[in-house]
């Protein structure tokens, strides 16, 4: 089943929102297993973002050169293939510092 650009954008925006929600549980040491599950869920949603970004048409990605599309795609590969070396601090930085810009850029391309 092929997904069009609007569906890919919706997938990315949904995954960003999930990352944001789950991030609230990562730093709560009292939550133990819940914090670990939140970390896993964030990494999974970052994988979705990278995969969906890989399928965005050039006219969308080219319109936003300020977004590091190759790094987004590459980070997905690191999460999938080099999962042992994933640094939680990097994951947290991506969610807090980089996803808001991706969200803002892609919202401009949603059909009215």
N, C-alpha and C. Protein backbone atom coordinates (compact mmCIF):
# COMPACT_ATOMS: atom_id res chain seq x y z
N UNK A 1 0.85 -1.18 0.00
CA UNK A 1 0.00 0.00 0.00
C UNK A 1 0.89 1.24 0.00
N UNK A 2 0.73 2.05 -1.00
CA UNK A 2 1.51 3.27 -1.11
C UNK A 2 0.77 4.42 -0.42
N UNK A 3 1.55 5.27 0.21
CA UNK A 3 0.96 6.42 0.92
C UNK A 3 1.37 7.69 0.18
N UNK A 4 0.44 8.62 0.06
CA UNK A 4 0.76 9.87 -0.63
C UNK A 4 1.44 10.84 0.33
N UNK A 5 1.85 11.98 -0.19
CA UNK A 5 2.60 12.96 0.60
C UNK A 5 1.80 13.44 1.81
N UNK A 6 0.51 13.68 1.63
CA UNK A 6 -0.32 14.14 2.75
C UNK A 6 -0.36 13.10 3.87
N UNK A 7 -0.44 11.84 3.50
CA UNK A 7 -0.46 10.78 4.51
C UNK A 7 0.90 10.69 5.21
N UNK A 8 1.97 10.84 4.45
CA UNK A 8 3.32 10.80 5.05
C UNK A 8 3.49 11.97 6.02
N UNK A 9 3.03 13.15 5.63
CA UNK A 9 3.11 14.31 6.52
C UNK A 9 2.30 14.04 7.78
N UNK A 10 1.10 13.51 7.62
CA UNK A 10 0.27 13.19 8.79
C UNK A 10 0.96 12.16 9.68
N UNK A 11 1.62 11.18 9.08
CA UNK A 11 2.36 10.18 9.87
C UNK A 11 3.46 10.85 10.69
N UNK A 12 4.18 11.76 10.06
CA UNK A 12 5.28 12.46 10.75
C UNK A 12 4.72 13.31 11.89
N UNK A 13 3.69 14.08 11.60
CA UNK A 13 3.11 14.95 12.63
C UNK A 13 2.55 14.14 13.80
N UNK A 14 1.92 13.02 13.51
CA UNK A 14 1.41 12.15 14.57
C UNK A 14 2.57 11.59 15.40
N UNK A 15 3.63 11.17 14.75
CA UNK A 15 4.79 10.62 15.47
C UNK A 15 5.47 11.70 16.32
N UNK A 16 5.51 12.93 15.82
CA UNK A 16 6.09 14.04 16.60
C UNK A 16 5.26 14.26 17.86
N UNK A 17 3.96 14.28 17.72
CA UNK A 17 3.09 14.47 18.89
C UNK A 17 3.27 13.34 19.90
N UNK A 18 3.39 12.13 19.43
CA UNK A 18 3.61 11.00 20.34
C UNK A 18 4.95 11.15 21.06
N UNK A 19 5.99 11.53 20.34
CA UNK A 19 7.29 11.75 20.98
C UNK A 19 7.18 12.78 22.09
N UNK A 20 6.48 13.86 21.79
CA UNK A 20 6.31 14.94 22.77
C UNK A 20 5.59 14.42 24.02
N UNK A 21 4.52 13.66 23.83
CA UNK A 21 3.77 13.12 24.97
C UNK A 21 4.61 12.13 25.77
N UNK A 22 5.30 11.25 25.08
CA UNK A 22 6.07 10.22 25.77
C UNK A 22 7.28 10.80 26.49
N UNK A 23 7.85 11.88 25.96
CA UNK A 23 9.04 12.48 26.56
C UNK A 23 8.79 12.92 28.00
N UNK A 24 7.57 13.24 28.33
CA UNK A 24 7.24 13.66 29.70
C UNK A 24 7.48 12.53 30.71
N UNK A 25 7.52 11.30 30.24
CA UNK A 25 7.68 10.16 31.14
C UNK A 25 9.12 9.64 31.23
N UNK A 26 9.99 10.10 30.37
CA UNK A 26 11.36 9.57 30.32
C UNK A 26 12.17 9.97 31.54
N UNK A 27 12.05 11.19 31.98
CA UNK A 27 12.90 11.68 33.07
C UNK A 27 12.36 11.36 34.46
N UNK A 28 11.23 10.74 34.54
CA UNK A 28 10.64 10.43 35.85
C UNK A 28 11.16 9.08 36.34
N UNK A 29 12.21 9.12 37.13
CA UNK A 29 12.84 7.89 37.63
C UNK A 29 11.88 7.04 38.46
N UNK A 30 10.89 7.67 39.04
CA UNK A 30 9.91 6.93 39.85
C UNK A 30 9.05 6.01 39.00
N UNK A 31 9.05 6.22 37.69
CA UNK A 31 8.17 5.43 36.84
C UNK A 31 8.82 4.14 36.33
N UNK A 32 10.10 3.96 36.52
CA UNK A 32 10.79 2.72 36.18
C UNK A 32 10.47 2.19 34.81
N UNK A 33 9.69 1.12 34.75
CA UNK A 33 9.37 0.46 33.50
C UNK A 33 8.63 1.40 32.55
N UNK A 34 7.78 2.24 33.06
CA UNK A 34 7.05 3.18 32.21
C UNK A 34 8.04 4.11 31.50
N UNK A 35 9.07 4.55 32.20
CA UNK A 35 10.09 5.41 31.59
C UNK A 35 10.82 4.65 30.49
N UNK A 36 11.14 3.39 30.72
CA UNK A 36 11.80 2.57 29.70
C UNK A 36 10.89 2.39 28.49
N UNK A 37 9.63 2.15 28.72
CA UNK A 37 8.68 1.99 27.61
C UNK A 37 8.56 3.29 26.84
N UNK A 38 8.57 4.42 27.52
CA UNK A 38 8.50 5.72 26.85
C UNK A 38 9.73 5.92 25.95
N UNK A 39 10.90 5.55 26.44
CA UNK A 39 12.12 5.64 25.63
C UNK A 39 11.98 4.79 24.37
N UNK A 40 11.51 3.55 24.53
CA UNK A 40 11.33 2.67 23.39
C UNK A 40 10.31 3.25 22.40
N UNK A 41 9.23 3.79 22.92
CA UNK A 41 8.19 4.35 22.08
C UNK A 41 8.70 5.58 21.32
N UNK A 42 9.49 6.39 21.96
CA UNK A 42 10.05 7.56 21.29
C UNK A 42 10.96 7.11 20.15
N UNK A 43 11.82 6.14 20.42
CA UNK A 43 12.72 5.66 19.37
C UNK A 43 11.93 5.09 18.20
N UNK A 44 10.86 4.36 18.47
CA UNK A 44 10.03 3.81 17.40
C UNK A 44 9.41 4.93 16.58
N UNK A 45 8.92 5.97 17.22
CA UNK A 45 8.30 7.07 16.49
C UNK A 45 9.33 7.87 15.71
N UNK A 46 10.56 7.97 16.21
CA UNK A 46 11.62 8.61 15.44
C UNK A 46 11.95 7.78 14.19
N UNK A 47 11.84 6.47 14.29
CA UNK A 47 12.02 5.61 13.12
C UNK A 47 10.93 5.89 12.08
N UNK A 48 9.71 6.04 12.55
CA UNK A 48 8.59 6.35 11.65
C UNK A 48 8.83 7.68 10.96
N UNK A 49 9.28 8.68 11.72
CA UNK A 49 9.56 9.99 11.14
C UNK A 49 10.60 9.88 10.04
N UNK A 50 11.68 9.16 10.32
CA UNK A 50 12.75 9.01 9.33
C UNK A 50 12.29 8.28 8.09
N UNK A 51 11.51 7.23 8.28
CA UNK A 51 11.01 6.46 7.13
C UNK A 51 10.03 7.28 6.30
N UNK A 52 9.12 7.96 6.96
CA UNK A 52 8.15 8.79 6.23
C UNK A 52 8.86 9.95 5.52
N UNK A 53 9.85 10.55 6.17
CA UNK A 53 10.61 11.64 5.55
C UNK A 53 11.33 11.16 4.30
N UNK A 54 11.76 9.91 4.32
CA UNK A 54 12.45 9.33 3.18
C UNK A 54 11.54 9.26 1.94
N UNK A 55 10.24 9.26 2.15
CA UNK A 55 9.28 9.14 1.06
C UNK A 55 8.58 10.45 0.71
N UNK A 56 8.99 11.54 1.35
CA UNK A 56 8.41 12.84 0.99
C UNK A 56 8.92 13.26 -0.38
N UNK A 57 8.08 13.87 -1.18
CA UNK A 57 8.54 14.33 -2.49
C UNK A 57 9.56 15.46 -2.35
N UNK A 58 10.42 15.56 -3.34
CA UNK A 58 11.47 16.58 -3.33
C UNK A 58 10.91 17.99 -3.22
N UNK A 59 9.75 18.25 -3.80
CA UNK A 59 9.21 19.61 -3.73
C UNK A 59 8.91 20.04 -2.30
N UNK A 60 8.63 19.08 -1.43
CA UNK A 60 8.40 19.40 -0.02
C UNK A 60 9.73 19.58 0.70
N UNK A 61 10.62 18.63 0.56
CA UNK A 61 11.90 18.74 1.27
C UNK A 61 12.75 19.89 0.73
N UNK A 62 12.72 20.11 -0.58
CA UNK A 62 13.48 21.22 -1.15
C UNK A 62 12.97 22.58 -0.70
N UNK A 63 11.69 22.65 -0.33
CA UNK A 63 11.11 23.91 0.14
C UNK A 63 11.59 24.27 1.55
N UNK A 64 12.27 23.32 2.21
CA UNK A 64 12.71 23.54 3.59
C UNK A 64 14.17 23.10 3.77
N UNK A 65 15.09 23.86 3.14
CA UNK A 65 16.51 23.49 3.26
C UNK A 65 17.04 23.65 4.69
N UNK A 66 16.29 24.36 5.54
CA UNK A 66 16.72 24.53 6.93
C UNK A 66 16.52 23.25 7.74
N UNK A 67 15.76 22.31 7.22
CA UNK A 67 15.52 21.04 7.90
C UNK A 67 16.58 20.04 7.41
N UNK A 68 17.28 19.38 8.30
CA UNK A 68 18.34 18.44 7.89
C UNK A 68 17.76 17.07 7.49
N UNK A 69 17.09 17.03 6.33
CA UNK A 69 16.44 15.81 5.88
C UNK A 69 17.38 14.61 5.82
N UNK A 70 18.60 14.75 5.30
CA UNK A 70 19.49 13.57 5.27
C UNK A 70 19.81 13.04 6.68
N UNK A 71 19.95 13.94 7.64
CA UNK A 71 20.23 13.51 9.01
C UNK A 71 19.01 12.83 9.63
N UNK A 72 17.83 13.29 9.29
CA UNK A 72 16.60 12.65 9.79
C UNK A 72 16.53 11.22 9.26
N UNK A 73 16.79 11.07 7.99
CA UNK A 73 16.79 9.72 7.39
C UNK A 73 17.90 8.87 7.99
N UNK A 74 19.06 9.47 8.16
CA UNK A 74 20.20 8.74 8.72
C UNK A 74 19.98 8.33 10.17
N UNK A 75 19.32 9.19 10.93
CA UNK A 75 19.06 8.85 12.34
C UNK A 75 18.13 7.66 12.43
N UNK A 76 17.20 7.56 11.51
CA UNK A 76 16.32 6.38 11.45
C UNK A 76 17.16 5.13 11.27
N UNK A 77 18.15 5.19 10.37
CA UNK A 77 19.01 4.03 10.13
C UNK A 77 19.83 3.67 11.37
N UNK A 78 20.30 4.68 12.07
CA UNK A 78 21.05 4.42 13.31
C UNK A 78 20.15 3.74 14.33
N UNK A 79 18.93 4.25 14.49
CA UNK A 79 18.01 3.66 15.46
C UNK A 79 17.69 2.21 15.13
N UNK A 80 17.59 1.90 13.86
CA UNK A 80 17.23 0.54 13.45
C UNK A 80 18.45 -0.39 13.44
N UNK A 81 19.55 0.07 12.90
CA UNK A 81 20.68 -0.82 12.66
C UNK A 81 21.80 -0.75 13.70
N UNK A 82 21.90 0.36 14.39
CA UNK A 82 22.95 0.52 15.40
C UNK A 82 22.33 0.82 16.75
N UNK A 83 21.25 0.14 17.04
CA UNK A 83 20.43 0.39 18.23
C UNK A 83 21.20 0.30 19.54
N UNK A 84 22.26 -0.49 19.59
CA UNK A 84 23.01 -0.67 20.84
C UNK A 84 23.70 0.63 21.25
N UNK A 85 24.14 1.41 20.29
CA UNK A 85 24.88 2.61 20.59
C UNK A 85 24.07 3.88 20.66
N UNK A 86 22.75 3.77 20.69
CA UNK A 86 21.90 4.96 20.71
C UNK A 86 22.03 5.65 22.06
N UNK A 87 22.35 6.93 22.01
CA UNK A 87 22.53 7.74 23.22
C UNK A 87 21.20 8.43 23.54
N UNK A 88 20.67 8.16 24.71
CA UNK A 88 19.38 8.73 25.12
C UNK A 88 19.43 10.26 25.12
N UNK A 89 20.56 10.84 25.46
CA UNK A 89 20.67 12.30 25.46
C UNK A 89 20.48 12.86 24.05
N UNK A 90 20.98 12.15 23.05
CA UNK A 90 20.79 12.58 21.67
C UNK A 90 19.32 12.48 21.28
N UNK A 91 18.69 11.39 21.67
CA UNK A 91 17.26 11.21 21.39
C UNK A 91 16.45 12.33 22.03
N UNK A 92 16.75 12.64 23.29
CA UNK A 92 16.03 13.71 23.98
C UNK A 92 16.25 15.05 23.30
N UNK A 93 17.48 15.30 22.83
CA UNK A 93 17.78 16.56 22.13
C UNK A 93 17.01 16.65 20.82
N UNK A 94 16.94 15.56 20.10
CA UNK A 94 16.20 15.55 18.84
C UNK A 94 14.74 15.92 19.09
N UNK A 95 14.13 15.30 20.10
CA UNK A 95 12.72 15.55 20.40
C UNK A 95 12.51 17.00 20.82
N UNK A 96 13.35 17.49 21.71
CA UNK A 96 13.15 18.84 22.26
C UNK A 96 13.58 19.95 21.30
N UNK A 97 14.67 19.74 20.58
CA UNK A 97 15.27 20.83 19.82
C UNK A 97 14.99 20.80 18.32
N UNK A 98 14.79 19.63 17.76
CA UNK A 98 14.71 19.54 16.30
C UNK A 98 13.32 19.23 15.75
N UNK A 99 12.54 18.47 16.48
CA UNK A 99 11.21 18.12 15.97
C UNK A 99 10.27 19.31 15.82
N UNK A 100 10.34 20.32 16.69
CA UNK A 100 9.43 21.47 16.48
C UNK A 100 9.60 22.15 15.12
N UNK A 101 10.83 22.24 14.63
CA UNK A 101 11.05 22.86 13.31
C UNK A 101 10.49 22.00 12.19
N UNK A 102 10.63 20.69 12.33
CA UNK A 102 10.08 19.77 11.32
C UNK A 102 8.55 19.90 11.31
N UNK A 103 7.98 19.93 12.50
CA UNK A 103 6.53 20.07 12.60
C UNK A 103 6.06 21.37 11.93
N UNK A 104 6.70 22.46 12.24
CA UNK A 104 6.33 23.75 11.68
C UNK A 104 6.44 23.74 10.16
N UNK A 105 7.51 23.19 9.65
CA UNK A 105 7.72 23.15 8.19
C UNK A 105 6.65 22.31 7.50
N UNK A 106 6.33 21.15 8.07
CA UNK A 106 5.39 20.26 7.41
C UNK A 106 3.94 20.72 7.52
N UNK A 107 3.61 21.42 8.59
CA UNK A 107 2.24 21.94 8.73
C UNK A 107 1.88 22.86 7.57
N UNK A 108 2.87 23.50 6.98
CA UNK A 108 2.64 24.39 5.86
C UNK A 108 2.16 23.65 4.62
N UNK A 109 2.35 22.33 4.60
CA UNK A 109 2.02 21.55 3.42
C UNK A 109 0.75 20.72 3.59
N UNK A 110 0.08 20.88 4.71
CA UNK A 110 -1.18 20.16 4.90
C UNK A 110 -2.26 20.76 4.01
N UNK A 111 -3.03 19.90 3.43
CA UNK A 111 -4.14 20.38 2.60
C UNK A 111 -5.16 21.07 3.52
N UNK A 112 -5.73 22.19 3.06
CA UNK A 112 -6.70 22.90 3.88
C UNK A 112 -7.99 22.12 4.07
